[in-house]
Structures are given as C-alpha cells and as structure tokens.
Amino acid sequence: MRKALFVGINDYPHLNPLRGCVNDATQMSHTLARHAGGQPNFQARLLTTGEDEVDHDLLEARLQELFSGECDTALFYFAGHGHFDDSLEEGLLLPQNARSARDGIRFSDILTLARNASGIRDKILILDCCQAGAAGEARSLRGGDSQISEGLTIMSACRRPEAASENGPHGVFTSLLIQGLNGGASSVLGDVTPGGLYAFVDNALGAWEQRPVFKTNVSRFIALRENEPLVAREVLRKLPQWFPEPESIYALDPSFEPTAPEFDAANGDVFAQLQRCNRHSLIEPVDAEHMYFAAINGTGCRLTALGAYYRILALKEHF
C-alpha cells in the first residue's frame, strides 16, 4: 500500500503569488495515482489553493497523517514558496497564510516526522520550491538532527541559494519530473526509480540553470511508477539462451532477414526480437553498422554492457 500527499499553493495573500504550483501538484497527483497500464499506484490526497485554504495548521495536520500508520511508501510533494532563514539556520515550506518567510513549517520537523514513521518502509520528499536544497543538510538545527534517516529520499528543485523557476503552466523542475514519470526516465523494464528520475532531470538542466538536489539513505530503489517495458520481459528472459556467455556471438545469416530470398519465418521472428534489443542498446551487430548487414553478411550480434547486465538479471530471475 502506498500513499501520497500533493500540495500546490499559488495564492499567498501576504506574499508574492505564484502561477504554476496548483497545476504542478494536480498533474503530479494524476500521474502518480496510476501506473501507465492503469493499475493503482499511490492513493493520493491533493491540497491546492484552488480548492482549499492551505494554512499552517491544515498542512501540518496532513503531514502528520501522511507519516502515521503503516504502509510501504509515503510520498510528500510540495509546490509553493520555500525559504531558508539564516538566523534560524533552517529551511521552511511556506503555507498559504504565511505573513513572512519565517511563518513556515521547518524542514527539520518534516524530517523528524519521516524519521519517526517506523511503520513506513520508504519515505520520499519532492520539493519544488525556492531554496529547497536546504532540506536534509547536516546543520545544527532545532532538535539537533537534520540527518537523512534510513529509508528517506529527498528530491529538490534547486540548491539552497537558488530559486525554483516557473515556465508557463508548470515549474521547470516538475515539468521534467512529469516527462520522466511518463516514460522519459524508464529503465528497460519500464520502472522509474527515484535515482533514474533524478538523473533524467539533472541531465536536462544546464550549468547556468537551477541545479536539482538528490539526497537519499536507502538500501534499494523502489519504482515510483511503472511504464510499459522498452523490451518485453519474455524477450529479456531469452538473453541467456541466445548468449550462453557474456562474450557469446549469436550467429546470423540471410535467412533472418525478411527481404532475403533465403528468409525463414522462424528465424525472422527471432531477428525481430533481436532488433528490438538492438534499438534499446542491449545488442550490437558484429562488424556491421546495422543488424540488417550483420544478417546479410552472415556475421552476428553480441551483447552490449547494458545487455550483459540484463542477461545477469534474467539468470537471477529478477523479472
């Protein structure tokens, strides 16, 4: 069982208003509510200023509920104003009724809730707000502990000194997150893990843009969302059959190529599967630029480093 709280605050009566935060939280909620195939994913609770008065008390209460009880995963997503207070040496998330940058919920208090959530195996914080990189910094904060507890992952839109930018209807960070969750950050098996999602976002942002921050203390990555595998699992399970050793070469000849006079339908079926693996960098032709020429010229194909990795996973029956 997995649950998630999504918060988006555009309307700040006492601070500068924002534009894309409600859209961000709403779209993230819809994206993570189900896997790509329609199966239920996170049981989502959405708080936005379009529907609710997201004041300090309500946000604090919902956070306490999120990190209570027992479940496999609890995810908190926030889009709104964030602030680092130098006098407190503390980062804060600002609710709708904040009158100043100090009227927020401290990052350290959220980390304490996550640390004390002994009935929840994995805790994930995704923060699309200014100065969000302060979350989880090893500083001398109230309570004396800002360390990232076991099972906790934090993904932040930017480093502590930076602002989180908006671009059109979404924040820059969340726009990339949504692209990644919808398949851009998928593994060959279709899983989007926190590490894979961060790498997708990190690669998309240049040196002169906001720099996302990733902090984690986990012994394994979970899948935030499952998309369709790039290569079917039943095909991946054949890798050890086709390649008994990592260095093996699978021999090809013109009977594998549908346009050749010698074409054999059974070989053509295998060749189509090998070509699928080739398109996703698992297999490469031997002494040829394309798989077509490897068949016509009677050479073969072999595993790439990535293909050798998935061969091992198949041998270990990890999928």
C-alpha atoms as a PDB file:
ATOM      1  CA  MET A   1       0.000   0.000   0.000  1.00  0.00           C
ATOM      2  CA  ARG A   2       1.317   3.441  -0.963  1.00  0.00           C
ATOM      3  CA  LYS A   3       0.012   6.899  -0.092  1.00  0.00           C
ATOM      4  CA  ALA A   4       0.940  10.400  -1.170  1.00  0.00           C
ATOM      5  CA  LEU A   5       0.179  13.995  -0.232  1.00  0.00           C
ATOM      6  CA  PHE A   6       0.388  16.600  -3.016  1.00  0.00           C
ATOM      7  CA  VAL A   7       0.333  20.291  -2.108  1.00  0.00           C
ATOM      8  CA  GLY A   8       0.183  23.206  -4.536  1.00  0.00           C
ATOM      9  CA  ILE A   9      -0.066  26.839  -3.371  1.00  0.00           C
ATOM     10  CA  ASN A  10      -0.465  29.704  -5.848  1.00  0.00           C
ATOM     11  CA  ASP A  11      -2.359  32.246  -3.770  1.00  0.00           C
ATOM     12  CA  TYR A  12      -0.389  33.886  -0.952  1.00  0.00           C
ATOM     13  CA  PRO A  13      -2.354  36.854   0.461  1.00  0.00           C
ATOM     14  CA  HIS A  14       0.714  38.247   2.253  1.00  0.00           C
ATOM     15  CA  LEU A  15       3.492  37.127  -0.131  1.00  0.00           C
ATOM     16  CA  ASN A  16       4.097  37.208  -3.851  1.00  0.00           C
ATOM     17  CA  PRO A  17       1.606  34.953  -5.686  1.00  0.00           C
ATOM     18  CA  LEU A  18       2.801  32.041  -7.819  1.00  0.00           C
ATOM     19  CA  ARG A  19       1.347  30.697 -11.076  1.00  0.00           C
ATOM     20  CA  GLY A  20       2.121  27.044 -11.713  1.00  0.00           C
ATOM     21  CA  CYS A  21       2.057  25.353  -8.321  1.00  0.00           C
ATOM     22  CA  VAL A  22      -1.579  24.202  -8.416  1.00  0.00           C
ATOM     23  CA  ASN A  23      -1.046  22.795 -11.902  1.00  0.00           C
ATOM     24  CA  ASP A  24       2.131  21.083 -10.717  1.00  0.00           C
ATOM     25  CA  ALA A  25       0.550  19.382  -7.714  1.00  0.00           C
ATOM     26  CA  THR A  26      -2.564  18.390  -9.670  1.00  0.00           C
ATOM     27  CA  GLN A  27      -0.609  16.873 -12.554  1.00  0.00           C
ATOM     28  CA  MET A  28       1.805  15.058 -10.259  1.00  0.00           C
ATOM     29  CA  SER A  29      -1.149  13.641  -8.343  1.00  0.00           C
ATOM     30  CA  HIS A  30      -2.801  12.391 -11.531  1.00  0.00           C
ATOM     31  CA  THR A  31       0.466  10.958 -12.880  1.00  0.00           C
ATOM     32  CA  LEU A  32       1.338   9.008  -9.748  1.00  0.00           C
ATOM     33  CA  ALA A  33      -2.175   7.812  -8.927  1.00  0.00           C
ATOM     34  CA  ARG A  34      -1.839   5.008 -11.508  1.00  0.00           C
ATOM     35  CA  HIS A  35       0.856   3.179 -13.387  1.00  0.00           C
ATOM     36  CA  ALA A  36       0.934   3.530 -17.172  1.00  0.00           C
ATOM     37  CA  GLY A  37      -1.046   0.315 -17.585  1.00  0.00           C
ATOM     38  CA  GLY A  38      -3.870   1.618 -15.376  1.00  0.00           C
ATOM     39  CA  GLN A  39      -3.023  -0.301 -12.204  1.00  0.00           C
ATOM     40  CA  PRO A  40      -3.434   1.658  -8.943  1.00  0.00           C
ATOM     41  CA  ASN A  41      -0.228   3.249  -7.676  1.00  0.00           C
ATOM     42  CA  PHE A  42      -0.336   5.904  -4.933  1.00  0.00           C
ATOM     43  CA  GLN A  43      -3.529   6.654  -3.012  1.00  0.00           C
ATOM     44  CA  ALA A  44      -3.352  10.408  -3.427  1.00  0.00           C
ATOM     45  CA  ARG A  45      -4.603  13.291  -1.308  1.00  0.00           C
ATOM     46  CA  LEU A  46      -4.462  16.662  -3.072  1.00  0.00           C
ATOM     47  CA  LEU A  47      -4.366  20.061  -1.349  1.00  0.00           C
ATOM     48  CA  THR A  48      -4.390  23.133  -3.568  1.00  0.00           C
ATOM     49  CA  THR A  49      -5.369  26.744  -3.135  1.00  0.00           C
ATOM     50  CA  GLY A  50      -7.879  26.263  -5.923  1.00  0.00           C
ATOM     51  CA  GLU A  51      -9.926  24.064  -3.601  1.00  0.00           C
ATOM     52  CA  ASP A  52      -8.654  24.514  -0.036  1.00  0.00           C
ATOM     53  CA  GLU A  53      -7.314  27.060   2.431  1.00  0.00           C
ATOM     54  CA  VAL A  54      -3.863  25.503   2.795  1.00  0.00           C
ATOM     55  CA  ASP A  55      -2.896  27.203   6.051  1.00  0.00           C
ATOM     56  CA  HIS A  56      -0.208  26.179   8.515  1.00  0.00           C
ATOM     57  CA  ASP A  57      -2.464  24.059  10.718  1.00  0.00           C
ATOM     58  CA  LEU A  58      -4.005  22.122   7.827  1.00  0.00           C
ATOM     59  CA  LEU A  59      -0.654  21.429   6.165  1.00  0.00           C
ATOM     60  CA  GLU A  60       0.902  20.334   9.431  1.00  0.00           C
ATOM     61  CA  ALA A  61      -2.044  18.050  10.199  1.00  0.00           C
ATOM     62  CA  ARG A  62      -1.936  16.424   6.765  1.00  0.00           C
ATOM     63  CA  LEU A  63       1.809  15.831   7.094  1.00  0.00           C
ATOM     64  CA  GLN A  64       1.276  14.138  10.446  1.00  0.00           C
ATOM     65  CA  GLU A  65      -1.371  11.916   8.878  1.00  0.00           C
ATOM     66  CA  LEU A  66       0.890  11.076   5.937  1.00  0.00           C
ATOM     67  CA  PHE A  67       3.688   9.857   8.180  1.00  0.00           C
ATOM     68  CA  SER A  68       1.474   7.891  10.560  1.00  0.00           C
ATOM     69  CA  GLY A  69       0.266   4.302  10.462  1.00  0.00           C
ATOM     70  CA  GLU A  70       1.714   1.552   8.325  1.00  0.00           C
ATOM     71  CA  CYS A  71       2.291   1.402   4.580  1.00  0.00           C
ATOM     72  CA  ASP A  72       5.016   0.527   2.107  1.00  0.00           C
ATOM     73  CA  THR A  73       5.677   4.065   0.848  1.00  0.00           C
ATOM     74  CA  ALA A  74       4.689   7.608   1.831  1.00  0.00           C
ATOM     75  CA  LEU A  75       5.392  10.417  -0.648  1.00  0.00           C
ATOM     76  CA  PHE A  76       5.136  14.161   0.003  1.00  0.00           C
ATOM     77  CA  TYR A  77       5.155  16.604  -2.900  1.00  0.00           C
ATOM     78  CA  PHE A  78       5.165  20.370  -2.354  1.00  0.00           C
ATOM     79  CA  ALA A  79       4.999  23.224  -4.860  1.00  0.00           C
ATOM     80  CA  GLY A  80       4.895  26.710  -3.388  1.00  0.00           C
ATOM     81  CA  HIS A  81       7.137  29.183  -1.615  1.00  0.00           C
ATOM     82  CA  GLY A  82      10.194  27.919   0.224  1.00  0.00           C
ATOM     83  CA  HIS A  83      12.733  29.901   2.236  1.00  0.00           C
ATOM     84  CA  PHE A  84      15.989  29.458   4.104  1.00  0.00           C
ATOM     85  CA  ASP A  85      16.245  31.563   7.240  1.00  0.00           C
ATOM     86  CA  ASP A  86      19.871  32.398   8.051  1.00  0.00           C
ATOM     87  CA  SER A  87      19.092  33.395  11.618  1.00  0.00           C
ATOM     88  CA  LEU A  88      17.448  30.044  12.269  1.00  0.00           C
ATOM     89  CA  GLU A  89      19.846  28.156  10.010  1.00  0.00           C
ATOM     90  CA  GLU A  90      16.699  26.419   8.853  1.00  0.00           C
ATOM     91  CA  GLY A  91      14.746  25.860   5.660  1.00  0.00           C
ATOM     92  CA  LEU A  92      10.973  26.213   5.663  1.00  0.00           C
ATOM     93  CA  LEU A  93       7.945  25.476   3.476  1.00  0.00           C
ATOM     94  CA  LEU A  94       5.508  28.375   3.498  1.00  0.00           C
ATOM     95  CA  PRO A  95       1.767  27.693   3.866  1.00  0.00           C
ATOM     96  CA  GLN A  96      -0.855  29.954   2.336  1.00  0.00           C
ATOM     97  CA  ASN A  97      -1.345  32.093   5.448  1.00  0.00           C
ATOM     98  CA  ALA A  98       2.356  32.868   5.953  1.00  0.00           C
ATOM     99  CA  ARG A  99       2.891  36.584   6.654  1.00  0.00           C
ATOM    100  CA  SER A 100       6.669  36.410   6.456  1.00  0.00           C
ATOM    101  CA  ALA A 101       9.353  33.987   5.354  1.00  0.00           C
ATOM    102  CA  ARG A 102       9.631  32.695   8.950  1.00  0.00           C
ATOM    103  CA  ASP A 103       5.988  31.585   9.220  1.00  0.00           C
ATOM    104  CA  GLY A 104       6.638  28.207   7.680  1.00  0.00           C
ATOM    105  CA  ILE A 105       6.946  24.541   8.500  1.00  0.00           C
ATOM    106  CA  ARG A 106      10.554  23.692   9.199  1.00  0.00           C
ATOM    107  CA  PHE A 107      12.303  21.092   7.091  1.00  0.00           C
ATOM    108  CA  SER A 108      13.686  19.573  10.290  1.00  0.00           C
ATOM    109  CA  ASP A 109      10.155  18.983  11.614  1.00  0.00           C
ATOM    110  CA  ILE A 110       9.190  17.167   8.421  1.00  0.00           C
ATOM    111  CA  LEU A 111      12.367  15.079   8.628  1.00  0.00           C
ATOM    112  CA  THR A 112      11.533  14.214  12.222  1.00  0.00           C
ATOM    113  CA  LEU A 113       8.058  13.026  11.193  1.00  0.00           C
ATOM    114  CA  ALA A 114       9.637  10.868   8.493  1.00  0.00           C
ATOM    115  CA  ARG A 115      12.299   9.503  10.839  1.00  0.00           C
ATOM    116  CA  ASN A 116       9.693   8.551  13.455  1.00  0.00           C
ATOM    117  CA  ALA A 117       7.428   6.841  10.895  1.00  0.00           C
ATOM    118  CA  SER A 118       8.575   3.357  11.884  1.00  0.00           C
ATOM    119  CA  GLY A 119       5.608   1.700  10.168  1.00  0.00           C
ATOM    120  CA  ILE A 120       6.530   3.125   6.752  1.00  0.00           C
ATOM    121  CA  ARG A 121       9.369   1.483   4.855  1.00  0.00           C
ATOM    122  CA  ASP A 122      10.116   4.167   2.242  1.00  0.00           C
ATOM    123  CA  LYS A 123       9.619   7.932   2.597  1.00  0.00           C
ATOM    124  CA  ILE A 124      10.015  10.304  -0.362  1.00  0.00           C
ATOM    125  CA  LEU A 125      10.013  14.108  -0.319  1.00  0.00           C
ATOM    126  CA  ILE A 126       9.774  16.009  -3.619  1.00  0.00           C
ATOM    127  CA  LEU A 127      10.124  19.754  -3.137  1.00  0.00           C
ATOM    128  CA  ASP A 128       9.581  22.233  -5.972  1.00  0.00           C
ATOM    129  CA  CYS A 129      10.244  25.491  -4.171  1.00  0.00           C
ATOM    130  CA  CYS A 130      12.989  28.040  -3.742  1.00  0.00           C
ATOM    131  CA  GLN A 131      15.985  27.087  -1.577  1.00  0.00           C
ATOM    132  CA  ALA A 132      14.663  23.524  -1.286  1.00  0.00           C
ATOM    133  CA  GLY A 133      18.178  22.102  -1.318  1.00  0.00           C
ATOM    134  CA  ALA A 134      18.431  23.034   2.369  1.00  0.00           C
ATOM    135  CA  ALA A 135      16.238  20.031   3.221  1.00  0.00           C
ATOM    136  CA  GLY A 136      18.352  17.386   4.891  1.00  0.00           C
ATOM    137  CA  GLU A 137      21.510  19.467   5.220  1.00  0.00           C
ATOM    138  CA  ALA A 138      23.709  18.301   8.073  1.00  0.00           C
ATOM    139  CA  ARG A 139      23.405  21.503  10.071  1.00  0.00           C
ATOM    140  CA  SER A 140      22.832  22.257  13.720  1.00  0.00           C
ATOM    141  CA  LEU A 141      19.059  22.641  13.573  1.00  0.00           C
ATOM    142  CA  ARG A 142      16.365  22.698  16.197  1.00  0.00           C
ATOM    143  CA  GLY A 143      16.262  19.263  17.783  1.00  0.00           C
ATOM    144  CA  GLY A 144      19.896  18.697  16.886  1.00  0.00           C
ATOM    145  CA  ASP A 145      19.267  16.317  13.991  1.00  0.00           C
ATOM    146  CA  SER A 146      18.829  17.081  10.317  1.00  0.00           C
ATOM    147  CA  GLN A 147      20.376  13.848   9.076  1.00  0.00           C
ATOM    148  CA  ILE A 148      18.540  11.837   6.442  1.00  0.00           C
ATOM    149  CA  SER A 149      17.070   8.836   8.219  1.00  0.00           C
ATOM    150  CA  GLU A 150      17.025   5.310   6.848  1.00  0.00           C
ATOM    151  CA  GLY A 151      14.502   4.822   4.065  1.00  0.00           C
ATOM    152  CA  LEU A 152      14.275   8.535   3.197  1.00  0.00           C
ATOM    153  CA  THR A 153      14.828  10.106  -0.232  1.00  0.00           C
ATOM    154  CA  ILE A 154      14.702  13.859  -0.957  1.00  0.00           C
ATOM    155  CA  MET A 155      14.479  15.372  -4.436  1.00  0.00           C
ATOM    156  CA  SER A 156      14.693  19.156  -4.509  1.00  0.00           C
ATOM    157  CA  ALA A 157      14.201  21.593  -7.374  1.00  0.00           C
ATOM    158  CA  CYS A 158      17.327  23.607  -6.603  1.00  0.00           C
ATOM    159  CA  ARG A 159      20.212  24.165  -4.231  1.00  0.00           C
ATOM    160  CA  ARG A 160      19.829  26.201  -1.051  1.00  0.00           C
ATOM    161  CA  PRO A 161      20.943  29.573  -2.528  1.00  0.00           C
ATOM    162  CA  GLU A 162      18.793  29.206  -5.657  1.00  0.00           C
ATOM    163  CA  ALA A 163      15.267  29.964  -6.819  1.00  0.00           C
ATOM    164  CA  ALA A 164      12.966  27.380  -8.388  1.00  0.00           C
ATOM    165  CA  SER A 165      11.826  28.731 -11.746  1.00  0.00           C
ATOM    166  CA  GLU A 166       8.400  28.610 -13.335  1.00  0.00           C
ATOM    167  CA  ASN A 167       7.948  28.308 -17.078  1.00  0.00           C
ATOM    168  CA  GLY A 168       4.398  28.543 -18.389  1.00  0.00           C
ATOM    169  CA  PRO A 169       1.839  26.336 -16.626  1.00  0.00           C
ATOM    170  CA  HIS A 170       4.414  24.320 -14.653  1.00  0.00           C
ATOM    171  CA  GLY A 171       7.562  24.748 -12.639  1.00  0.00           C
ATOM    172  CA  VAL A 172      10.705  23.832 -14.571  1.00  0.00           C
ATOM    173  CA  PHE A 173      11.526  21.035 -12.129  1.00  0.00           C
ATOM    174  CA  THR A 174       8.058  19.498 -12.065  1.00  0.00           C
ATOM    175  CA  SER A 175       7.687  19.692 -15.828  1.00  0.00           C
ATOM    176  CA  LEU A 176      10.769  17.485 -16.140  1.00  0.00           C
ATOM    177  CA  LEU A 177       9.557  15.164 -13.389  1.00  0.00           C
ATOM    178  CA  ILE A 178       6.301  14.575 -15.255  1.00  0.00           C
ATOM    179  CA  GLN A 179       8.164  13.833 -18.502  1.00  0.00           C
ATOM    180  CA  GLY A 180      10.367  11.359 -16.679  1.00  0.00           C
ATOM    181  CA  LEU A 181       7.483   9.654 -14.887  1.00  0.00           C
ATOM    182  CA  ASN A 182       5.627   9.271 -18.179  1.00  0.00           C
ATOM    183  CA  GLY A 183       8.461   7.196 -19.601  1.00  0.00           C
ATOM    184  CA  GLY A 184      11.409   9.504 -20.206  1.00  0.00           C
ATOM    185  CA  ALA A 185      13.228   8.121 -17.162  1.00  0.00           C
ATOM    186  CA  SER A 186      12.133   4.499 -17.575  1.00  0.00           C
ATOM    187  CA  SER A 187      14.547   1.620 -17.336  1.00  0.00           C
ATOM    188  CA  VAL A 188      14.419  -1.102 -19.996  1.00  0.00           C
ATOM    189  CA  LEU A 189      11.895  -2.847 -17.724  1.00  0.00           C
ATOM    190  CA  GLY A 190       9.746   0.300 -17.634  1.00  0.00           C
ATOM    191  CA  ASP A 191      10.428   1.214 -13.999  1.00  0.00           C
ATOM    192  CA  VAL A 192      11.009   4.838 -12.977  1.00  0.00           C
ATOM    193  CA  THR A 193      13.094   4.879  -9.805  1.00  0.00           C
ATOM    194  CA  PRO A 194      13.986   7.982  -7.769  1.00  0.00           C
ATOM    195  CA  GLY A 195      17.591   7.706  -8.934  1.00  0.00           C
ATOM    196  CA  GLY A 196      16.625   7.321 -12.575  1.00  0.00           C
ATOM    197  CA  LEU A 197      14.176  10.209 -12.325  1.00  0.00           C
ATOM    198  CA  TYR A 198      16.779  12.488 -10.761  1.00  0.00           C
ATOM    199  CA  ALA A 199      19.328  11.583 -13.448  1.00  0.00           C
ATOM    200  CA  PHE A 200      16.752  12.466 -16.128  1.00  0.00           C
ATOM    201  CA  VAL A 201      16.110  15.892 -14.553  1.00  0.00           C
ATOM    202  CA  ASP A 202      19.777  16.549 -13.837  1.00  0.00           C
ATOM    203  CA  ASN A 203      20.813  15.871 -17.431  1.00  0.00           C
ATOM    204  CA  ALA A 204      18.138  18.238 -18.757  1.00  0.00           C
ATOM    205  CA  LEU A 205      19.300  21.268 -16.747  1.00  0.00           C
ATOM    206  CA  GLY A 206      22.474  23.070 -17.738  1.00  0.00           C
ATOM    207  CA  ALA A 207      25.239  24.637 -15.700  1.00  0.00           C
ATOM    208  CA  TRP A 208      23.593  28.100 -15.785  1.00  0.00           C
ATOM    209  CA  GLU A 209      20.177  26.853 -14.672  1.00  0.00           C
ATOM    210  CA  GLN A 210      18.830  25.819 -11.298  1.00  0.00           C
ATOM    211  CA  ARG A 211      20.574  22.675 -10.090  1.00  0.00           C
ATOM    212  CA  PRO A 212      18.372  19.935  -8.633  1.00  0.00           C
ATOM    213  CA  VAL A 213      19.498  18.144  -5.477  1.00  0.00           C
ATOM    214  CA  PHE A 214      19.175  14.453  -4.629  1.00  0.00           C
ATOM    215  CA  LYS A 215      19.743  13.013  -1.149  1.00  0.00           C
ATOM    216  CA  THR A 216      18.955   9.510  -0.046  1.00  0.00           C
ATOM    217  CA  ASN A 217      19.610   6.892   2.610  1.00  0.00           C
ATOM    218  CA  VAL A 218      18.207   3.684   1.155  1.00  0.00           C
ATOM    219  CA  SER A 219      19.494   0.186   0.514  1.00  0.00           C
ATOM    220  CA  ARG A 220      17.337  -0.273  -2.583  1.00  0.00           C
ATOM    221  CA  PHE A 221      15.408   1.844  -5.060  1.00  0.00           C
ATOM    222  CA  ILE A 222      11.686   1.405  -5.495  1.00  0.00           C
ATOM    223  CA  ALA A 223       9.726   2.134  -8.660  1.00  0.00           C
ATOM    224  CA  LEU A 224       7.821   5.401  -8.358  1.00  0.00           C
ATOM    225  CA  ARG A 225       5.846   4.472 -11.488  1.00  0.00           C
ATOM    226  CA  GLU A 226       5.741   1.550 -13.898  1.00  0.00           C
ATOM    227  CA  ASN A 227       5.574   2.167 -17.636  1.00  0.00           C
ATOM    228  CA  GLU A 228       5.474  -0.323 -20.482  1.00  0.00           C
ATOM    229  CA  PRO A 229       8.838  -2.134 -20.755  1.00  0.00           C
ATOM    230  CA  LEU A 230      11.018  -0.965 -23.624  1.00  0.00           C
ATOM    231  CA  VAL A 231      11.696  -4.635 -24.331  1.00  0.00           C
ATOM    232  CA  ALA A 232       9.164  -7.279 -23.271  1.00  0.00           C
ATOM    233  CA  ARG A 233      10.182  -9.308 -20.245  1.00  0.00           C
ATOM    234  CA  GLU A 234       9.707 -12.569 -22.126  1.00  0.00           C
ATOM    235  CA  VAL A 235      12.263 -11.336 -24.672  1.00  0.00           C
ATOM    236  CA  LEU A 236      14.729 -10.274 -21.989  1.00  0.00           C
ATOM    237  CA  ARG A 237      14.462 -13.727 -20.416  1.00  0.00           C
ATOM    238  CA  LYS A 238      15.839 -15.186 -23.657  1.00  0.00           C
ATOM    239  CA  LEU A 239      19.140 -13.306 -23.392  1.00  0.00           C
ATOM    240  CA  PRO A 240      20.925 -16.174 -21.553  1.00  0.00           C
ATOM    241  CA  GLN A 241      19.563 -18.616 -24.156  1.00  0.00           C
ATOM    242  CA  TRP A 242      20.814 -16.546 -27.076  1.00  0.00           C
ATOM    243  CA  PHE A 243      24.073 -15.636 -25.331  1.00  0.00           C
ATOM    244  CA  PRO A 244      25.238 -18.517 -23.091  1.00  0.00           C
ATOM    245  CA  GLU A 245      28.253 -16.427 -22.083  1.00  0.00           C
ATOM    246  CA  PRO A 246      28.530 -12.630 -21.852  1.00  0.00           C
ATOM    247  CA  GLU A 247      31.006 -12.656 -24.763  1.00  0.00           C
ATOM    248  CA  SER A 248      28.965 -15.026 -26.944  1.00  0.00           C
ATOM    249  CA  ILE A 249      28.132 -14.068 -30.536  1.00  0.00           C
ATOM    250  CA  TYR A 250      24.729 -15.008 -31.885  1.00  0.00           C
ATOM    251  CA  ALA A 251      25.334 -16.109 -35.470  1.00  0.00           C
ATOM    252  CA  LEU A 252      23.181 -14.533 -38.162  1.00  0.00           C
ATOM    253  CA  ASP A 253      22.757 -15.283 -41.854  1.00  0.00           C
ATOM    254  CA  PRO A 254      20.474 -14.093 -44.693  1.00  0.00           C
ATOM    255  CA  SER A 255      17.658 -16.415 -43.563  1.00  0.00           C
ATOM    256  CA  PHE A 256      16.983 -13.998 -40.678  1.00  0.00           C
ATOM    257  CA  GLU A 257      16.324 -11.018 -42.979  1.00  0.00           C
ATOM    258  CA  PRO A 258      12.742 -10.818 -44.427  1.00  0.00           C
ATOM    259  CA  THR A 259      13.909  -9.254 -47.710  1.00  0.00           C
ATOM    260  CA  ALA A 260      16.402 -12.044 -48.484  1.00  0.00           C
ATOM    261  CA  PRO A 261      15.461 -14.985 -50.783  1.00  0.00           C
ATOM    262  CA  GLU A 262      16.638 -17.411 -48.095  1.00  0.00           C
ATOM    263  CA  PHE A 263      14.273 -15.950 -45.475  1.00  0.00           C
ATOM    264  CA  ASP A 264      12.971 -18.364 -42.830  1.00  0.00           C
ATOM    265  CA  ALA A 265       9.924 -17.237 -40.833  1.00  0.00           C
ATOM    266  CA  ALA A 266      11.129 -18.768 -37.543  1.00  0.00           C
ATOM    267  CA  ASN A 267      14.471 -17.018 -37.844  1.00  0.00           C
ATOM    268  CA  GLY A 268      12.655 -13.820 -38.808  1.00  0.00           C
ATOM    269  CA  ASP A 269      10.724 -13.928 -35.533  1.00  0.00           C
ATOM    270  CA  VAL A 270      13.968 -14.228 -33.557  1.00  0.00           C
ATOM    271  CA  PHE A 271      15.549 -11.465 -35.632  1.00  0.00           C
ATOM    272  CA  ALA A 272      12.674  -9.087 -34.867  1.00  0.00           C
ATOM    273  CA  GLN A 273      13.242  -9.648 -31.145  1.00  0.00           C
ATOM    274  CA  LEU A 274      16.992  -9.139 -31.507  1.00  0.00           C
ATOM    275  CA  GLN A 275      16.375  -5.919 -33.422  1.00  0.00           C
ATOM    276  CA  ARG A 276      14.147  -4.675 -30.609  1.00  0.00           C
ATOM    277  CA  CYS A 277      17.001  -5.309 -28.192  1.00  0.00           C
ATOM    278  CA  ASN A 278      19.351  -3.515 -30.571  1.00  0.00           C
ATOM    279  CA  ARG A 279      17.123  -0.420 -30.673  1.00  0.00           C
ATOM    280  CA  HIS A 280      17.418  -0.140 -26.901  1.00  0.00           C
ATOM    281  CA  SER A 281      21.199  -0.661 -26.763  1.00  0.00           C
ATOM    282  CA  LEU A 282      21.187  -4.211 -25.401  1.00  0.00           C
ATOM    283  CA  ILE A 283      22.654  -5.815 -28.515  1.00  0.00           C
ATOM    284  CA  GLU A 284      25.005  -4.589 -31.247  1.00  0.00           C
ATOM    285  CA  PRO A 285      25.848  -6.044 -34.688  1.00  0.00           C
ATOM    286  CA  VAL A 286      29.277  -7.592 -35.247  1.00  0.00           C
ATOM    287  CA  ASP A 287      31.431  -5.975 -37.943  1.00  0.00           C
ATOM    288  CA  ALA A 288      28.430  -4.148 -39.380  1.00  0.00           C
ATOM    289  CA  GLU A 289      26.768  -0.781 -38.949  1.00  0.00           C
ATOM    290  CA  HIS A 290      23.236  -2.199 -38.819  1.00  0.00           C
ATOM    291  CA  MET A 291      21.612  -5.504 -37.887  1.00  0.00           C
ATOM    292  CA  TYR A 292      20.432  -5.835 -41.489  1.00  0.00           C
ATOM    293  CA  PHE A 293      24.018  -6.022 -42.769  1.00  0.00           C
ATOM    294  CA  ALA A 294      25.002  -8.400 -39.953  1.00  0.00           C
ATOM    295  CA  ALA A 295      22.370 -10.817 -41.277  1.00  0.00           C
ATOM    296  CA  ILE A 296      23.040 -10.309 -44.975  1.00  0.00           C
ATOM    297  CA  ASN A 297      26.811 -10.639 -44.482  1.00  0.00           C
ATOM    298  CA  GLY A 298      26.483 -13.584 -42.102  1.00  0.00           C
ATOM    299  CA  THR A 299      28.288 -12.137 -39.093  1.00  0.00           C
ATOM    300  CA  GLY A 300      26.164 -11.921 -35.968  1.00  0.00           C
ATOM    301  CA  CYS A 301      25.353  -9.829 -32.926  1.00  0.00           C
ATOM    302  CA  ARG A 302      26.619  -9.585 -29.358  1.00  0.00           C
ATOM    303  CA  LEU A 303      25.634  -8.096 -26.029  1.00  0.00           C
ATOM    304  CA  THR A 304      26.499  -4.553 -25.066  1.00  0.00           C
ATOM    305  CA  ALA A 305      27.496  -3.808 -21.476  1.00  0.00           C
ATOM    306  CA  LEU A 306      23.856  -2.942 -20.775  1.00  0.00           C
ATOM    307  CA  GLY A 307      22.718  -6.177 -22.409  1.00  0.00           C
ATOM    308  CA  ALA A 308      25.176  -8.174 -20.299  1.00  0.00           C
ATOM    309  CA  TYR A 309      23.660  -6.550 -17.206  1.00  0.00           C
ATOM    310  CA  TYR A 310      20.114  -7.572 -18.168  1.00  0.00           C
ATOM    311  CA  ARG A 311      21.377 -11.067 -19.037  1.00  0.00           C
ATOM    312  CA  ILE A 312      22.554 -11.382 -15.431  1.00  0.00           C
ATOM    313  CA  LEU A 313      19.191 -10.141 -14.157  1.00  0.00           C
ATOM    314  CA  ALA A 314      17.463 -12.745 -16.314  1.00  0.00           C
ATOM    315  CA  LEU A 315      19.717 -15.510 -14.977  1.00  0.00           C
ATOM    316  CA  LYS A 316      18.891 -14.411 -11.416  1.00  0.00           C
ATOM    317  CA  GLU A 317      15.171 -14.316 -12.285  1.00  0.00           C
ATOM    318  CA  HIS A 318      14.828 -10.715 -11.150  1.00  0.00           C
ATOM    319  CA  PHE A 319      11.932 -10.179 -13.554  1.00  0.00           C
END
